[in-house]
Protein backbone atom coordinates (compact mmCIF):
# COMPACT_ATOMS: atom_id res chain seq x y z
CA MET A 1 38.91 97.92 66.21
CA GLN A 2 35.22 98.76 65.92
CA ASN A 3 35.65 102.51 66.07
CA GLN A 4 38.49 102.56 63.55
CA ALA A 5 36.48 100.53 61.07
CA ARG A 6 33.51 102.83 61.52
CA GLY A 7 35.35 105.86 60.13
CA VAL A 8 36.40 104.02 56.99
CA GLU A 9 33.04 102.36 56.51
CA ALA A 10 31.19 105.69 56.60
CA LYS A 11 33.51 107.73 54.41
CA SER A 12 30.44 109.27 52.77
CA PRO A 13 27.11 109.77 54.52
CA TRP A 14 24.22 107.57 53.49
CA TRP A 15 22.24 110.51 52.14
CA TRP A 16 25.04 111.43 49.74
CA ASP A 17 23.34 110.66 46.41
CA GLU A 18 20.23 112.55 47.40
CA ALA A 19 22.28 115.47 48.65
CA ARG A 20 24.14 115.85 45.36
CA THR A 21 20.89 116.79 43.66
CA SER A 22 19.66 119.23 46.28
CA ILE A 23 22.57 121.27 47.63
CA GLY A 24 25.45 123.28 46.27
CA ARG A 25 28.90 121.90 45.68
CA HIS A 26 30.58 123.98 48.41
CA PHE A 27 27.94 123.11 50.96
CA LEU A 28 28.29 119.46 50.02
CA ARG A 29 32.05 119.62 50.56
CA ASP A 30 31.65 121.33 53.93
CA LEU A 31 29.01 118.86 55.01
CA GLU A 32 31.19 115.91 54.04
CA GLY A 33 34.03 117.26 56.18
CA LEU A 34 31.64 117.90 59.05
CA TRP A 35 30.27 114.38 58.88
CA ALA A 36 33.75 112.83 58.85
CA ASP A 37 34.73 114.88 61.90
CA VAL A 38 31.62 113.77 63.79
CA LEU A 39 32.40 110.11 63.12
CA ARG A 40 36.01 110.55 64.23
CA LEU A 41 34.87 112.23 67.42
CA ALA A 42 32.36 109.42 67.96
CA ALA A 43 35.18 106.87 67.71
CA VAL A 44 37.24 108.75 70.31
CA VAL A 45 34.30 109.10 72.70
CA GLU A 46 33.39 105.44 72.32
CA GLU A 47 36.94 104.42 73.18
CA ASP A 48 36.95 106.74 76.22
CA LEU A 49 33.76 105.10 77.47
CA VAL A 50 35.19 101.62 77.00
CA GLN A 51 38.39 102.56 78.83
CA SER A 52 36.57 104.28 81.69
CA VAL A 53 34.39 101.21 82.31
CA ARG A 54 37.43 98.94 82.08
CA ALA A 55 39.24 101.18 84.57
CA LEU A 56 36.26 100.95 86.92
CA CYS A 57 35.95 97.17 86.73
CA ASP A 58 39.72 96.55 86.95
CA GLY A 59 40.49 99.34 89.39
CA SER A 60 43.04 100.71 86.93
CA MET A 61 44.16 104.22 87.82
CA GLU A 62 46.34 104.31 84.71
CA LEU A 63 43.40 103.82 82.35
CA ALA A 64 41.33 106.32 84.33
CA GLU A 65 44.05 108.96 84.07
CA ASP A 66 44.35 108.37 80.32
CA VAL A 67 40.67 109.14 79.86
CA ARG A 68 40.79 112.23 82.04
CA GLY A 69 43.93 113.43 80.27
CA ARG A 70 42.13 113.61 76.93
CA LYS A 71 39.51 116.01 78.25
CA ARG A 72 40.86 119.18 76.64
CA ASN A 73 41.34 117.64 73.18
CA VAL A 74 37.80 116.25 73.13
CA GLU A 75 36.32 119.53 74.35
CA ASP A 76 38.20 121.51 71.70
CA TRP A 77 36.96 119.12 69.03
CA GLU A 78 33.35 119.52 70.20
CA VAL A 79 33.60 123.34 70.17
CA THR A 80 35.12 123.30 66.67
CA LEU A 81 32.29 121.14 65.35
CA GLU A 82 29.66 123.42 66.85
CA ARG A 83 31.30 126.51 65.37
CA GLU A 84 31.51 124.86 61.96
CA CYS A 85 27.80 124.06 62.07
CA VAL A 86 26.98 127.67 62.94
CA ARG A 87 29.27 128.89 60.14
CA MET A 88 27.54 126.66 57.62
CA LEU A 89 24.11 127.82 58.74
CA ALA A 90 25.12 131.46 58.36
CA LEU A 91 27.02 131.06 55.09
CA HIS A 92 24.79 128.64 53.17
CA GLN A 93 21.44 129.26 54.87
CA PRO A 94 20.17 125.73 54.21
CA VAL A 95 16.46 124.94 54.27
CA ALA A 96 14.26 121.85 54.56
CA CYS A 97 16.19 118.56 54.48
CA ASP A 98 19.56 120.34 54.19
CA LEU A 99 18.86 122.27 57.37
CA ARG A 100 17.81 119.01 59.00
CA ARG A 101 21.20 117.47 58.23
CA VAL A 102 23.13 120.28 59.90
CA ALA A 103 20.75 120.25 62.85
CA ALA A 104 21.33 116.50 63.17
CA VAL A 105 25.10 117.02 63.35
CA LEU A 106 24.61 119.61 66.08
CA LYS A 107 22.46 117.19 68.06
CA ILE A 108 24.91 114.31 67.67
CA ASN A 109 27.76 116.59 68.75
CA ALA A 110 25.83 117.54 71.90
CA ASP A 111 25.16 113.89 72.72
CA LEU A 112 28.82 112.99 72.17
CA GLU A 113 29.81 115.84 74.48
CA ARG A 114 27.67 114.41 77.26
CA LEU A 115 28.97 110.89 76.65
CA ALA A 116 32.53 112.17 76.95
CA ASP A 117 31.59 113.89 80.22
CA PHE A 118 30.20 110.65 81.61
CA ALA A 119 33.38 108.79 80.66
CA ARG A 120 35.38 111.31 82.69
CA HIS A 121 32.94 111.15 85.62
CA ILE A 122 33.33 107.38 85.80
CA SER A 123 37.11 107.72 85.59
CA LYS A 124 37.11 110.16 88.50
CA ARG A 125 35.23 107.67 90.63
CA VAL A 126 37.93 105.09 90.03
CA GLY A 127 40.28 107.35 92.00
CA LYS A 128 37.74 107.96 94.75
CA LEU A 129 37.05 104.25 95.12
CA ALA A 130 40.78 103.57 95.35
CA GLU A 131 40.95 105.97 98.31
CA GLU A 132 38.23 104.13 100.23
CA PRO A 133 39.78 102.34 103.26
CA LEU A 134 37.02 99.73 103.05
CA GLY A 135 37.03 99.46 99.29
CA LEU A 136 34.99 96.91 97.38
CA PRO A 137 35.12 95.25 93.98
CA VAL A 138 32.52 96.46 91.49
CA PRO A 139 29.28 94.57 92.16
CA GLN A 140 28.41 92.18 89.34
CA PRO A 141 24.99 93.75 88.63
CA LEU A 142 26.71 97.12 88.16
CA GLU A 143 29.29 95.56 85.84
CA ASN A 144 26.46 93.98 83.85
CA LEU A 145 24.78 97.37 83.56
CA ALA A 146 28.05 98.86 82.29
CA THR A 147 28.33 96.15 79.63
CA ALA A 148 24.76 96.75 78.51
CA ALA A 149 25.25 100.53 78.35
CA LEU A 150 28.40 100.17 76.25
CA GLY A 151 26.51 97.81 73.96
CA GLN A 152 23.88 100.49 73.44
CA VAL A 153 26.54 103.03 72.51
CA ARG A 154 28.21 100.65 70.08
CA ARG A 155 24.96 99.73 68.37
CA GLY A 156 23.72 103.32 68.32
CA LEU A 157 26.88 104.45 66.54
CA ASP A 158 26.71 101.45 64.20
CA ALA A 159 23.16 102.42 63.29
CA LEU A 160 24.31 105.98 62.62
CA THR A 161 27.19 104.84 60.44
CA ARG A 162 25.20 102.36 58.39
CA ALA A 163 21.89 104.23 58.27
CA ASP A 164 20.31 101.16 59.82
CA VAL A 165 16.86 102.31 60.90
CA ALA A 166 15.88 98.85 62.15
CA LEU A 167 18.93 98.74 64.43
CA ALA A 168 18.28 102.31 65.56
CA ARG A 169 14.72 101.43 66.53
CA GLN A 170 16.00 98.40 68.44
CA VAL A 171 18.43 100.59 70.39
CA ILE A 172 15.57 102.95 71.25
CA ALA A 173 13.36 100.06 72.36
CA ASP A 174 16.14 98.49 74.45
CA ASP A 175 16.54 101.69 76.45
CA LYS A 176 13.58 100.62 78.58
CA GLY A 177 15.45 97.47 79.56
CA ILE A 178 18.44 99.55 80.62
CA ASP A 179 16.16 101.67 82.78
CA ARG A 180 14.78 98.57 84.49
CA SER A 181 18.28 97.21 85.10
CA TYR A 182 19.37 100.55 86.52
CA ARG A 183 16.51 100.59 89.00
CA LYS A 184 17.33 97.03 90.13
CA VAL A 185 21.01 97.90 90.56
CA VAL A 186 20.21 100.97 92.65
CA ALA A 187 17.71 99.04 94.77
CA GLY A 188 20.37 96.40 95.46
CA LEU A 189 22.97 99.00 96.36
CA LYS A 190 20.57 100.68 98.77
CA ARG A 191 20.07 97.33 100.48
CA ASP A 192 23.85 96.99 100.71
CA ILE A 193 24.04 100.36 102.48
CA VAL A 194 21.58 99.16 105.10
CA GLU A 195 23.38 95.83 105.55
CA ASP A 196 26.91 97.28 105.58
CA PRO A 197 26.80 101.00 106.47
CA ARG A 198 30.56 101.07 107.12
CA ARG A 199 31.05 101.14 103.36
CA VAL A 200 28.37 103.75 102.69
CA ASP A 201 30.73 106.01 100.73
CA ALA A 202 31.66 103.22 98.33
CA TRP A 203 28.01 102.22 97.89
CA LEU A 204 27.10 105.83 97.10
CA LEU A 205 29.88 106.03 94.51
CA PHE A 206 28.49 102.90 92.89
CA ILE A 207 24.98 104.38 92.85
CA SER A 208 26.28 107.54 91.19
CA THR A 209 28.15 105.45 88.62
CA ALA A 210 25.00 103.47 87.88
CA ARG A 211 23.18 106.72 87.20
CA ASN A 212 25.92 107.74 84.77
CA LEU A 213 25.63 104.40 82.97
CA GLU A 214 21.87 104.82 82.64
CA ARG A 215 22.40 108.26 81.14
CA ILE A 216 25.05 106.90 78.76
CA ALA A 217 22.51 104.42 77.39
CA ASP A 218 19.95 107.20 77.16
CA HIS A 219 22.24 109.31 74.96
CA ALA A 220 22.92 106.27 72.79
CA ALA A 221 19.16 106.04 72.24
CA ARG A 222 19.08 109.74 71.37
CA ILE A 223 21.72 109.19 68.71
CA ALA A 224 19.60 106.32 67.37
CA GLU A 225 16.67 108.73 67.19
CA VAL A 226 18.77 110.96 64.92
CA VAL A 227 19.15 108.03 62.51
CA VAL A 228 15.37 107.74 62.23
CA TYR A 229 15.08 111.52 61.98
CA LEU A 230 17.52 111.74 59.08
CA LYS A 231 16.04 108.83 57.18
CA GLU A 232 12.34 109.49 57.74
CA GLY A 233 12.11 113.20 58.43
CA GLU A 234 10.86 112.89 62.00
CA GLY A 235 12.08 111.15 65.08
CA PRO A 236 10.31 108.41 67.00
CA ARG A 237 8.63 109.21 70.27
CA ARG A 238 9.83 107.27 73.28
CA SER A 239 7.20 106.60 75.91
CA ALA A 240 8.08 107.53 79.48
C-alpha cells in the first residue's frame, strides 16, 4: 500500500547528509527517530482518512467504527511526538536550520492531528446519516470532492517523503481548485434543501462533511508548505 511504502522509502530524511555536518551525533539520532515516527503517524492518519471517506460513500458503519476506535492510539502518538520535540529543544537547544527542522516536525504533527480529527468527524456523520429516516446516498459532487481531497493528502505526503518541491508547489496551487469545488458543492446542497426540505438534516450533514473535506485539503497544502520551508528556508505564501 502507498502508506506502507512511504515509511520504507523515507527511512532517512532528505536533509540527512547536510545534517551530519551541522549537528551532534545524539541530536541526529533523536531527529532520525522523530522523523520516522512522524512518517508512521502520517501513514496511519492517511489510512484513517481513506477509510472514513469509504465508510461515508458506502454507508459502512463497520469502517466508521474502526476509524473512531483508533482515536486514543492516534492521540497518544501525537502527544508523544510533541513532547519529544519539546525535549529535544530543551536538551539540544538547536539553532538556525536545526531549529527549523524540529519546528517543521511540530507543524506537521499539528496538521496530522487535525487530519485525524476530520477523519473521525466524517466517520461520526456516517452514523448520523444512517439514522436519517429519509436518508440519501452521497451526492456525486460531494464524492468527487472527497476523492480530490484525498488526492491532495496523498500527494502532500508524497512530496514530504521525497522532498519533491515541485510536487509540493503543485499541491499548494491545487488548493484553490478544491476551494472552488467546495463552494459549488455547498451551493448545490443549499439548492437541494430548498427543493426537498424534508431531508434538510441529511443535506446539512452533507454540507458539514464538505467543509471537513475542504479543510482536509487545506491541511494537505500546509504540509506541502513545510516541504518548501525545509528545502528553501522559507515557505510559500498562498494568496487568499
